[in-house]
Amino acid sequence: MRRLAREPLLHFLLLGAVIFGVFALASRNEASRPGAIVVTEGRIASLATAFARVWQRPPTEAELDGLIRDHVRDEVLAREAMALGLDRDDTIIRRRLRQKLEFVSEDVAALAEPTEAQLRAYLSDNPDTFRTDRRFTFSQVHLDPQRRGERLAGDAARLLAQLERAGPRADVSTLGDSRMLEAQYAALPAVEVARQFGDRFAAKLGQLPVRQWQGPIESGYGVHLVLVSERTEGRVPALEDVRAAVRREWLNTRRQAANETFYQSLLSRYTVTIERPRAGANDRGVAGARP
């Protein structure tokens, strides 16, 4: 119990419950006086602040009077619409209300700031989220199967022998059939290699020996003779290098947990009955509910 009492998330949820209770009480007070509309000083200040945020200046007296009239008009029409039940079964309104209530729990959770130990633990528990991509520095010579036809295999073998004699310093800028592709790529991430050349080509680059001409290797363009100059393996960076990203993900996870806990506490107040269709109802065009 002592450990639970020290848990910050519990404090935030309790604060959220208090805020929720205040909102509910205020709503009941308004409902008890359905014919009364009170435009408080706080509401007027809020209207003026919103105006200044948009126009970069405070409203004039006439403009403020207009804002107040618009607010009263909104309030009257909104109350009458709700009295007529126009808000019921409206997907957009229900979604907006859900969002507003979730914002309450998210704002409460956002009050928490992670400690150094929490950030390090989050990075340790979620390494793949922050792992850097494998990178390749390589040279390639493209051979077009359509252009070379039956000569492709022989041309590839002769050109590979020529490149092997020249070694890593071979000048490939004038070789090959495509001018759309670069002859050399520096520190290209594996995901980008796959995007440009295809997954099989990227996987093959990860298997080739370094600083040796190899091929032919197939891609979506045709076949290639390739020399991998450098291959940098992906790694999990130090916290100091990705602190902002880790903090952002930690806060997002915290918000999601607070939302779920808040929802489960509200759900416990309700009895949920799901009336599933009888057997064969789907055959008559009645869609069945999913859990």
C-alpha atoms as a PDB file:
ATOM      1  CA  MET A   1       0.000   0.000   0.000  1.00  0.00           C
ATOM      2  CA  ARG A   2       2.835   2.392   0.778  1.00  0.00           C
ATOM      3  CA  ARG A   3       4.401   1.730  -2.606  1.00  0.00           C
ATOM      4  CA  LEU A   4       1.041   2.252  -4.310  1.00  0.00           C
ATOM      5  CA  ALA A   5       0.513   5.504  -2.409  1.00  0.00           C
ATOM      6  CA  ARG A   6       3.837   6.802  -3.770  1.00  0.00           C
ATOM      7  CA  GLU A   7       2.990   5.918  -7.382  1.00  0.00           C
ATOM      8  CA  PRO A   8       2.739   9.241  -9.352  1.00  0.00           C
ATOM      9  CA  LEU A   9       0.245   7.820 -11.836  1.00  0.00           C
ATOM     10  CA  LEU A  10      -2.208   7.140  -8.992  1.00  0.00           C
ATOM     11  CA  HIS A  11      -1.914  10.774  -7.879  1.00  0.00           C
ATOM     12  CA  PHE A  12      -2.569  12.007 -11.410  1.00  0.00           C
ATOM     13  CA  LEU A  13      -5.597   9.761 -11.809  1.00  0.00           C
ATOM     14  CA  LEU A  14      -6.996  10.951  -8.502  1.00  0.00           C
ATOM     15  CA  LEU A  15      -6.478  14.542  -9.652  1.00  0.00           C
ATOM     16  CA  GLY A  16      -8.223  13.677 -12.909  1.00  0.00           C
ATOM     17  CA  ALA A  17     -11.139  12.207 -10.966  1.00  0.00           C
ATOM     18  CA  VAL A  18     -11.393  15.441  -8.969  1.00  0.00           C
ATOM     19  CA  ILE A  19     -11.411  17.503 -12.181  1.00  0.00           C
ATOM     20  CA  PHE A  20     -14.013  15.178 -13.662  1.00  0.00           C
ATOM     21  CA  GLY A  21     -16.133  15.546 -10.532  1.00  0.00           C
ATOM     22  CA  VAL A  22     -15.911  19.339 -10.688  1.00  0.00           C
ATOM     23  CA  PHE A  23     -17.021  19.269 -14.332  1.00  0.00           C
ATOM     24  CA  ALA A  24     -19.910  16.957 -13.447  1.00  0.00           C
ATOM     25  CA  LEU A  25     -20.965  19.192 -10.550  1.00  0.00           C
ATOM     26  CA  ALA A  26     -20.852  22.260 -12.748  1.00  0.00           C
ATOM     27  CA  SER A  27     -22.947  20.483 -15.342  1.00  0.00           C
ATOM     28  CA  ARG A  28     -25.550  19.530 -12.718  1.00  0.00           C
ATOM     29  CA  ASN A  29     -25.682  23.126 -11.490  1.00  0.00           C
ATOM     30  CA  GLU A  30     -26.347  24.350 -15.014  1.00  0.00           C
ATOM     31  CA  ALA A  31     -28.975  21.649 -15.514  1.00  0.00           C
ATOM     32  CA  SER A  32     -30.748  22.733 -12.312  1.00  0.00           C
ATOM     33  CA  ARG A  33     -31.261  26.176 -13.848  1.00  0.00           C
ATOM     34  CA  PRO A  34     -32.135  25.402 -17.475  1.00  0.00           C
ATOM     35  CA  GLY A  35     -33.413  28.941 -18.168  1.00  0.00           C
ATOM     36  CA  ALA A  36     -30.357  30.752 -16.764  1.00  0.00           C
ATOM     37  CA  ILE A  37     -27.301  31.680 -18.833  1.00  0.00           C
ATOM     38  CA  VAL A  38     -24.536  33.337 -16.825  1.00  0.00           C
ATOM     39  CA  VAL A  39     -21.596  34.784 -18.756  1.00  0.00           C
ATOM     40  CA  THR A  40     -18.952  34.995 -16.034  1.00  0.00           C
ATOM     41  CA  GLU A  41     -15.954  37.282 -15.892  1.00  0.00           C
ATOM     42  CA  GLY A  42     -13.773  34.230 -16.484  1.00  0.00           C
ATOM     43  CA  ARG A  43     -15.693  33.349 -19.655  1.00  0.00           C
ATOM     44  CA  ILE A  44     -15.402  36.931 -20.934  1.00  0.00           C
ATOM     45  CA  ALA A  45     -11.664  36.899 -20.244  1.00  0.00           C
ATOM     46  CA  SER A  46     -11.396  33.594 -22.114  1.00  0.00           C
ATOM     47  CA  LEU A  47     -13.243  35.041 -25.125  1.00  0.00           C
ATOM     48  CA  ALA A  48     -10.940  38.068 -25.138  1.00  0.00           C
ATOM     49  CA  THR A  49      -7.843  35.896 -24.859  1.00  0.00           C
ATOM     50  CA  ALA A  50      -8.930  33.714 -27.770  1.00  0.00           C
ATOM     51  CA  PHE A  51      -9.570  36.839 -29.877  1.00  0.00           C
ATOM     52  CA  ALA A  52      -6.143  38.287 -29.023  1.00  0.00           C
ATOM     53  CA  ARG A  53      -4.447  35.008 -29.882  1.00  0.00           C
ATOM     54  CA  VAL A  54      -5.899  35.137 -33.394  1.00  0.00           C
ATOM     55  CA  TRP A  55      -5.674  38.864 -34.136  1.00  0.00           C
ATOM     56  CA  GLN A  56      -2.590  39.718 -32.052  1.00  0.00           C
ATOM     57  CA  ARG A  57      -4.466  42.510 -30.228  1.00  0.00           C
ATOM     58  CA  PRO A  58      -7.197  42.797 -27.598  1.00  0.00           C
ATOM     59  CA  PRO A  59     -10.786  43.248 -28.816  1.00  0.00           C
ATOM     60  CA  THR A  60     -12.493  46.620 -28.795  1.00  0.00           C
ATOM     61  CA  GLU A  61     -15.570  47.124 -26.638  1.00  0.00           C
ATOM     62  CA  ALA A  62     -17.811  46.605 -29.670  1.00  0.00           C
ATOM     63  CA  GLU A  63     -15.926  43.455 -30.671  1.00  0.00           C
ATOM     64  CA  LEU A  64     -16.112  42.090 -27.129  1.00  0.00           C
ATOM     65  CA  ASP A  65     -19.863  42.754 -27.051  1.00  0.00           C
ATOM     66  CA  GLY A  66     -20.130  40.810 -30.324  1.00  0.00           C
ATOM     67  CA  LEU A  67     -18.138  37.902 -28.872  1.00  0.00           C
ATOM     68  CA  ILE A  68     -20.441  37.781 -25.858  1.00  0.00           C
ATOM     69  CA  ARG A  69     -23.553  37.851 -28.071  1.00  0.00           C
ATOM     70  CA  ASP A  70     -22.136  34.981 -30.170  1.00  0.00           C
ATOM     71  CA  HIS A  71     -21.382  33.006 -27.003  1.00  0.00           C
ATOM     72  CA  VAL A  72     -24.948  33.496 -25.724  1.00  0.00           C
ATOM     73  CA  ARG A  73     -26.319  32.497 -29.128  1.00  0.00           C
ATOM     74  CA  ASP A  74     -24.172  29.336 -29.111  1.00  0.00           C
ATOM     75  CA  GLU A  75     -25.334  28.495 -25.592  1.00  0.00           C
ATOM     76  CA  VAL A  76     -29.030  28.992 -26.380  1.00  0.00           C
ATOM     77  CA  LEU A  77     -28.954  26.972 -29.595  1.00  0.00           C
ATOM     78  CA  ALA A  78     -26.786  24.216 -28.068  1.00  0.00           C
ATOM     79  CA  ARG A  79     -29.124  23.818 -25.087  1.00  0.00           C
ATOM     80  CA  GLU A  80     -32.221  23.753 -27.286  1.00  0.00           C
ATOM     81  CA  ALA A  81     -30.600  21.209 -29.609  1.00  0.00           C
ATOM     82  CA  MET A  82     -29.755  18.989 -26.630  1.00  0.00           C
ATOM     83  CA  ALA A  83     -33.276  19.401 -25.241  1.00  0.00           C
ATOM     84  CA  LEU A  84     -34.603  18.107 -28.560  1.00  0.00           C
ATOM     85  CA  GLY A  85     -32.159  15.199 -28.396  1.00  0.00           C
ATOM     86  CA  LEU A  86     -30.274  16.278 -31.516  1.00  0.00           C
ATOM     87  CA  ASP A  87     -26.978  15.313 -29.857  1.00  0.00           C
ATOM     88  CA  ARG A  88     -28.018  11.686 -29.446  1.00  0.00           C
ATOM     89  CA  ASP A  89     -26.616   9.046 -31.764  1.00  0.00           C
ATOM     90  CA  ASP A  90     -24.520  11.678 -33.541  1.00  0.00           C
ATOM     91  CA  THR A  91     -21.167  10.070 -34.305  1.00  0.00           C
ATOM     92  CA  ILE A  92     -19.276  13.355 -34.645  1.00  0.00           C
ATOM     93  CA  ILE A  93     -20.580  14.747 -31.341  1.00  0.00           C
ATOM     94  CA  ARG A  94     -19.925  11.477 -29.507  1.00  0.00           C
ATOM     95  CA  ARG A  95     -16.390  11.330 -30.897  1.00  0.00           C
ATOM     96  CA  ARG A  96     -15.718  14.929 -29.849  1.00  0.00           C
ATOM     97  CA  LEU A  97     -17.020  14.299 -26.333  1.00  0.00           C
ATOM     98  CA  ARG A  98     -14.839  11.210 -26.093  1.00  0.00           C
ATOM     99  CA  GLN A  99     -11.805  13.224 -27.179  1.00  0.00           C
ATOM    100  CA  LYS A 100     -12.477  15.967 -24.653  1.00  0.00           C
ATOM    101  CA  LEU A 101     -12.789  13.496 -21.794  1.00  0.00           C
ATOM    102  CA  GLU A 102      -9.615  11.703 -22.901  1.00  0.00           C
ATOM    103  CA  PHE A 103      -7.827  15.067 -22.996  1.00  0.00           C
ATOM    104  CA  VAL A 104      -8.593  15.446 -19.289  1.00  0.00           C
ATOM    105  CA  SER A 105      -6.737  12.247 -18.397  1.00  0.00           C
ATOM    106  CA  GLU A 106      -3.950  13.009 -20.908  1.00  0.00           C
ATOM    107  CA  ASP A 107      -3.378  16.471 -19.450  1.00  0.00           C
ATOM    108  CA  VAL A 108      -3.147  14.985 -15.974  1.00  0.00           C
ATOM    109  CA  ALA A 109      -0.642  12.350 -17.117  1.00  0.00           C
ATOM    110  CA  ALA A 110       1.397  15.021 -18.920  1.00  0.00           C
ATOM    111  CA  LEU A 111       2.167  16.627 -15.549  1.00  0.00           C
ATOM    112  CA  ALA A 112       4.677  13.841 -14.925  1.00  0.00           C
ATOM    113  CA  GLU A 113       8.287  14.357 -15.969  1.00  0.00           C
ATOM    114  CA  PRO A 114      10.396  11.216 -16.353  1.00  0.00           C
ATOM    115  CA  THR A 115      13.440  10.720 -14.174  1.00  0.00           C
ATOM    116  CA  GLU A 116      16.810   9.747 -15.599  1.00  0.00           C
ATOM    117  CA  ALA A 117      16.320   6.186 -14.374  1.00  0.00           C
ATOM    118  CA  GLN A 118      12.896   5.943 -16.033  1.00  0.00           C
ATOM    119  CA  LEU A 119      14.280   7.139 -19.370  1.00  0.00           C
ATOM    120  CA  ARG A 120      17.133   4.642 -19.246  1.00  0.00           C
ATOM    121  CA  ALA A 121      14.746   1.842 -18.329  1.00  0.00           C
ATOM    122  CA  TYR A 122      12.399   2.776 -21.188  1.00  0.00           C
ATOM    123  CA  LEU A 123      15.263   2.772 -23.685  1.00  0.00           C
ATOM    124  CA  SER A 124      16.411  -0.599 -22.364  1.00  0.00           C
ATOM    125  CA  ASP A 125      12.911  -2.086 -22.577  1.00  0.00           C
ATOM    126  CA  ASN A 126      12.215  -0.727 -26.102  1.00  0.00           C
ATOM    127  CA  PRO A 127      15.531  -0.931 -27.978  1.00  0.00           C
ATOM    128  CA  ASP A 128      14.004  -1.553 -31.427  1.00  0.00           C
ATOM    129  CA  THR A 129      12.080   1.716 -31.272  1.00  0.00           C
ATOM    130  CA  PHE A 130      15.337   3.692 -31.233  1.00  0.00           C
ATOM    131  CA  ARG A 131      17.757   1.357 -33.017  1.00  0.00           C
ATOM    132  CA  THR A 132      19.630   3.029 -35.874  1.00  0.00           C
ATOM    133  CA  ASP A 133      19.313   1.452 -39.303  1.00  0.00           C
ATOM    134  CA  ARG A 134      22.011  -0.641 -40.952  1.00  0.00           C
ATOM    135  CA  ARG A 135      23.928   1.438 -43.541  1.00  0.00           C
ATOM    136  CA  PHE A 136      25.816   0.548 -46.703  1.00  0.00           C
ATOM    137  CA  THR A 137      28.477   2.353 -48.694  1.00  0.00           C
ATOM    138  CA  PHE A 138      28.758   0.628 -52.057  1.00  0.00           C
ATOM    139  CA  SER A 139      29.483   0.967 -55.773  1.00  0.00           C
ATOM    140  CA  GLN A 140      27.365  -0.687 -58.444  1.00  0.00           C
ATOM    141  CA  VAL A 141      27.354  -1.278 -62.185  1.00  0.00           C
ATOM    142  CA  HIS A 142      23.942  -1.907 -63.701  1.00  0.00           C
ATOM    143  CA  LEU A 143      23.386  -4.287 -66.617  1.00  0.00           C
ATOM    144  CA  ASP A 144      20.051  -4.167 -68.452  1.00  0.00           C
ATOM    145  CA  PRO A 145      18.736  -7.660 -69.387  1.00  0.00           C
ATOM    146  CA  GLN A 146      16.484  -6.279 -72.126  1.00  0.00           C
ATOM    147  CA  ARG A 147      19.307  -4.391 -73.756  1.00  0.00           C
ATOM    148  CA  ARG A 148      21.867  -7.193 -73.561  1.00  0.00           C
ATOM    149  CA  GLY A 149      19.560 -10.168 -74.072  1.00  0.00           C
ATOM    150  CA  GLU A 150      21.479 -13.451 -74.484  1.00  0.00           C
ATOM    151  CA  ARG A 151      24.797 -11.612 -74.005  1.00  0.00           C
ATOM    152  CA  LEU A 152      23.919 -10.715 -70.383  1.00  0.00           C
ATOM    153  CA  ALA A 153      25.668 -13.618 -68.629  1.00  0.00           C
ATOM    154  CA  GLY A 154      28.839 -13.331 -70.752  1.00  0.00           C
ATOM    155  CA  ASP A 155      28.991  -9.539 -70.426  1.00  0.00           C
ATOM    156  CA  ALA A 156      28.529  -9.750 -66.669  1.00  0.00           C
ATOM    157  CA  ALA A 157      31.316 -12.326 -66.307  1.00  0.00           C
ATOM    158  CA  ARG A 158      33.772 -10.306 -68.433  1.00  0.00           C
ATOM    159  CA  LEU A 159      32.961  -7.037 -66.664  1.00  0.00           C
ATOM    160  CA  LEU A 160      33.238  -8.685 -63.233  1.00  0.00           C
ATOM    161  CA  ALA A 161      36.716  -9.991 -64.108  1.00  0.00           C
ATOM    162  CA  GLN A 162      37.709  -6.478 -65.222  1.00  0.00           C
ATOM    163  CA  LEU A 163      36.462  -4.960 -61.984  1.00  0.00           C
ATOM    164  CA  GLU A 164      38.177  -7.595 -59.848  1.00  0.00           C
ATOM    165  CA  ARG A 165      41.496  -6.719 -61.496  1.00  0.00           C
ATOM    166  CA  ALA A 166      40.941  -3.018 -60.796  1.00  0.00           C
ATOM    167  CA  GLY A 167      39.836  -3.674 -57.183  1.00  0.00           C
ATOM    168  CA  PRO A 168      38.079  -1.209 -54.877  1.00  0.00           C
ATOM    169  CA  ARG A 169      39.443   1.793 -56.778  1.00  0.00           C
ATOM    170  CA  ALA A 170      37.830   0.839 -60.078  1.00  0.00           C
ATOM    171  CA  ASP A 171      36.288   3.789 -61.928  1.00  0.00           C
ATOM    172  CA  VAL A 172      32.670   2.779 -62.546  1.00  0.00           C
ATOM    173  CA  SER A 173      31.314   6.198 -63.502  1.00  0.00           C
ATOM    174  CA  THR A 174      31.238   5.339 -67.215  1.00  0.00           C
ATOM    175  CA  LEU A 175      30.261   1.674 -66.892  1.00  0.00           C
ATOM    176  CA  GLY A 176      26.824   0.095 -66.972  1.00  0.00           C
ATOM    177  CA  ASP A 177      23.564   0.712 -68.808  1.00  0.00           C
ATOM    178  CA  SER A 178      21.591   3.044 -66.557  1.00  0.00           C
ATOM    179  CA  ARG A 179      22.126   6.751 -66.098  1.00  0.00           C
ATOM    180  CA  MET A 180      19.200   6.908 -63.654  1.00  0.00           C
ATOM    181  CA  LEU A 181      21.180   5.152 -60.922  1.00  0.00           C
ATOM    182  CA  GLU A 182      24.154   6.504 -59.045  1.00  0.00           C
ATOM    183  CA  ALA A 183      27.419   4.622 -59.471  1.00  0.00           C
ATOM    184  CA  GLN A 184      28.274   5.089 -55.779  1.00  0.00           C
ATOM    185  CA  TYR A 185      26.166   5.367 -52.631  1.00  0.00           C
ATOM    186  CA  ALA A 186      27.501   6.556 -49.277  1.00  0.00           C
ATOM    187  CA  ALA A 187      26.063   5.389 -45.920  1.00  0.00           C
ATOM    188  CA  LEU A 188      22.676   4.563 -47.439  1.00  0.00           C
ATOM    189  CA  PRO A 189      20.247   3.177 -44.808  1.00  0.00           C
ATOM    190  CA  ALA A 190      19.050  -0.373 -45.424  1.00  0.00           C
ATOM    191  CA  VAL A 191      15.447   0.800 -45.653  1.00  0.00           C
ATOM    192  CA  GLU A 192      16.425   3.219 -48.419  1.00  0.00           C
ATOM    193  CA  VAL A 193      18.389   0.513 -50.254  1.00  0.00           C
ATOM    194  CA  ALA A 194      15.279  -1.668 -50.153  1.00  0.00           C
ATOM    195  CA  ARG A 195      13.116   1.203 -51.373  1.00  0.00           C
ATOM    196  CA  GLN A 196      15.346   1.892 -54.371  1.00  0.00           C
ATOM    197  CA  PHE A 197      16.568  -1.584 -55.317  1.00  0.00           C
ATOM    198  CA  GLY A 198      14.170  -3.998 -53.594  1.00  0.00           C
ATOM    199  CA  ASP A 199      14.219  -6.150 -50.470  1.00  0.00           C
ATOM    200  CA  ARG A 200      16.203  -9.022 -52.002  1.00  0.00           C
ATOM    201  CA  PHE A 201      18.951  -6.677 -53.169  1.00  0.00           C
ATOM    202  CA  ALA A 202      19.157  -5.082 -49.705  1.00  0.00           C
ATOM    203  CA  ALA A 203      19.293  -8.498 -48.032  1.00  0.00           C
ATOM    204  CA  LYS A 204      22.076  -9.593 -50.390  1.00  0.00           C
ATOM    205  CA  LEU A 205      24.159  -6.513 -49.539  1.00  0.00           C
ATOM    206  CA  GLY A 206      24.086  -7.647 -45.926  1.00  0.00           C
ATOM    207  CA  GLN A 207      25.725 -10.958 -46.909  1.00  0.00           C
ATOM    208  CA  LEU A 208      28.451  -9.828 -49.311  1.00  0.00           C
ATOM    209  CA  PRO A 209      32.113  -9.711 -48.274  1.00  0.00           C
ATOM    210  CA  VAL A 210      33.479  -6.185 -47.930  1.00  0.00           C
ATOM    211  CA  ARG A 211      35.766  -4.563 -50.546  1.00  0.00           C
ATOM    212  CA  GLN A 212      35.281  -7.335 -53.109  1.00  0.00           C
ATOM    213  CA  TRP A 213      33.391  -7.105 -56.378  1.00  0.00           C
ATOM    214  CA  GLN A 214      30.466  -9.522 -56.451  1.00  0.00           C
ATOM    215  CA  GLY A 215      27.621 -10.332 -58.800  1.00  0.00           C
ATOM    216  CA  PRO A 216      25.511 -10.414 -60.711  1.00  0.00           C
ATOM    217  CA  ILE A 217      22.870  -9.437 -58.115  1.00  0.00           C
ATOM    218  CA  GLU A 218      19.259  -8.971 -59.194  1.00  0.00           C
ATOM    219  CA  SER A 219      17.097  -5.936 -58.491  1.00  0.00           C
ATOM    220  CA  GLY A 220      13.997  -4.379 -59.961  1.00  0.00           C
ATOM    221  CA  TYR A 221      16.205  -2.661 -62.557  1.00  0.00           C
ATOM    222  CA  GLY A 222      17.979  -5.785 -63.782  1.00  0.00           C
ATOM    223  CA  VAL A 223      21.314  -7.120 -62.504  1.00  0.00           C
ATOM    224  CA  HIS A 224      24.243  -5.400 -60.825  1.00  0.00           C
ATOM    225  CA  LEU A 225      27.907  -5.925 -60.098  1.00  0.00           C
ATOM    226  CA  VAL A 226      28.467  -4.609 -56.594  1.00  0.00           C
ATOM    227  CA  LEU A 227      31.312  -3.712 -54.260  1.00  0.00           C
ATOM    228  CA  VAL A 228      30.434  -2.999 -50.631  1.00  0.00           C
ATOM    229  CA  SER A 229      33.061  -0.588 -49.297  1.00  0.00           C
ATOM    230  CA  GLU A 230      31.653  -0.306 -45.772  1.00  0.00           C
ATOM    231  CA  ARG A 231      28.787  -1.828 -43.840  1.00  0.00           C
ATOM    232  CA  THR A 232      27.744  -0.183 -40.573  1.00  0.00           C
ATOM    233  CA  GLU A 233      25.571  -2.345 -38.357  1.00  0.00           C
ATOM    234  CA  GLY A 234      22.534  -0.877 -36.645  1.00  0.00           C
ATOM    235  CA  ARG A 235      22.843  -0.165 -32.947  1.00  0.00           C
ATOM    236  CA  VAL A 236      20.891   1.096 -29.986  1.00  0.00           C
ATOM    237  CA  PRO A 237      22.152   4.654 -29.386  1.00  0.00           C
ATOM    238  CA  ALA A 238      23.120   6.031 -26.006  1.00  0.00           C
ATOM    239  CA  LEU A 239      20.417   7.866 -24.095  1.00  0.00           C
ATOM    240  CA  GLU A 240      22.330  11.125 -24.497  1.00  0.00           C
ATOM    241  CA  ASP A 241      21.906  10.877 -28.283  1.00  0.00           C
ATOM    242  CA  VAL A 242      18.145  10.211 -28.302  1.00  0.00           C
ATOM    243  CA  ARG A 243      16.960  11.740 -25.030  1.00  0.00           C
ATOM    244  CA  ALA A 244      14.251  13.882 -26.660  1.00  0.00           C
ATOM    245  CA  ALA A 245      12.833  10.932 -28.607  1.00  0.00           C
ATOM    246  CA  VAL A 246      12.870   8.651 -25.555  1.00  0.00           C
ATOM    247  CA  ARG A 247      11.131  11.308 -23.451  1.00  0.00           C
ATOM    248  CA  ARG A 248       8.484  11.808 -26.140  1.00  0.00           C
ATOM    249  CA  GLU A 249       7.768   8.072 -26.377  1.00  0.00           C
ATOM    250  CA  TRP A 250       7.783   7.692 -22.572  1.00  0.00           C
ATOM    251  CA  LEU A 251       5.201  10.469 -22.228  1.00  0.00           C
ATOM    252  CA  ASN A 252       3.071   8.994 -24.995  1.00  0.00           C
ATOM    253  CA  THR A 253       3.104   5.581 -23.313  1.00  0.00           C
ATOM    254  CA  ARG A 254       2.239   7.246 -20.013  1.00  0.00           C
ATOM    255  CA  ARG A 255      -0.706   9.063 -21.586  1.00  0.00           C
ATOM    256  CA  GLN A 256      -2.016   5.852 -23.125  1.00  0.00           C
ATOM    257  CA  ALA A 257      -1.741   4.040 -19.794  1.00  0.00           C
ATOM    258  CA  ALA A 258      -3.521   6.884 -17.995  1.00  0.00           C
ATOM    259  CA  ASN A 259      -6.275   6.897 -20.617  1.00  0.00           C
ATOM    260  CA  GLU A 260      -6.810   3.157 -20.308  1.00  0.00           C
ATOM    261  CA  THR A 261      -6.815   3.246 -16.495  1.00  0.00           C
ATOM    262  CA  PHE A 262      -9.216   6.198 -16.532  1.00  0.00           C
ATOM    263  CA  TYR A 263     -11.508   4.382 -18.977  1.00  0.00           C
ATOM    264  CA  GLN A 264     -11.494   1.165 -16.955  1.00  0.00           C
ATOM    265  CA  SER A 265     -12.432   3.124 -13.813  1.00  0.00           C
ATOM    266  CA  LEU A 266     -15.377   4.677 -15.682  1.00  0.00           C
ATOM    267  CA  LEU A 267     -16.355   1.358 -17.271  1.00  0.00           C
ATOM    268  CA  SER A 268     -16.643  -0.227 -13.826  1.00  0.00           C
ATOM    269  CA  ARG A 269     -19.676   2.003 -13.161  1.00  0.00           C
ATOM    270  CA  TYR A 270     -21.640   0.411 -15.994  1.00  0.00           C
ATOM    271  CA  THR A 271     -23.226  -2.932 -16.710  1.00  0.00           C
ATOM    272  CA  VAL A 272     -22.588  -3.733 -20.363  1.00  0.00           C
ATOM    273  CA  THR A 273     -24.962  -6.070 -22.162  1.00  0.00           C
ATOM    274  CA  ILE A 274     -24.169  -7.126 -25.721  1.00  0.00           C
ATOM    275  CA  GLU A 275     -27.153  -8.580 -27.520  1.00  0.00           C
ATOM    276  CA  ARG A 276     -25.694 -10.808 -30.195  1.00  0.00           C
ATOM    277  CA  PRO A 277     -27.819 -11.865 -33.169  1.00  0.00           C
ATOM    278  CA  ARG A 278     -29.374 -15.305 -33.136  1.00  0.00           C
ATOM    279  CA  ALA A 279     -27.821 -18.047 -35.248  1.00  0.00           C
ATOM    280  CA  GLY A 280     -28.584 -17.429 -38.894  1.00  0.00           C
ATOM    281  CA  ALA A 281     -29.274 -13.713 -38.435  1.00  0.00           C
ATOM    282  CA  ASN A 282     -26.273 -12.839 -40.613  1.00  0.00           C
ATOM    283  CA  ASP A 283     -27.820 -14.866 -43.416  1.00  0.00           C
ATOM    284  CA  ARG A 284     -30.741 -12.422 -43.321  1.00  0.00           C
ATOM    285  CA  GLY A 285     -28.412  -9.437 -43.629  1.00  0.00           C
ATOM    286  CA  VAL A 286     -28.118  -8.563 -39.926  1.00  0.00           C
ATOM    287  CA  ALA A 287     -24.525  -7.687 -39.026  1.00  0.00           C
ATOM    288  CA  GLY A 288     -23.269  -9.276 -35.833  1.00  0.00           C
ATOM    289  CA  ALA A 289     -21.570  -7.201 -33.145  1.00  0.00           C
ATOM    290  CA  ARG A 290     -17.965  -7.944 -32.376  1.00  0.00           C
ATOM    291  CA  PRO A 291     -16.608  -7.905 -28.817  1.00  0.00           C
END
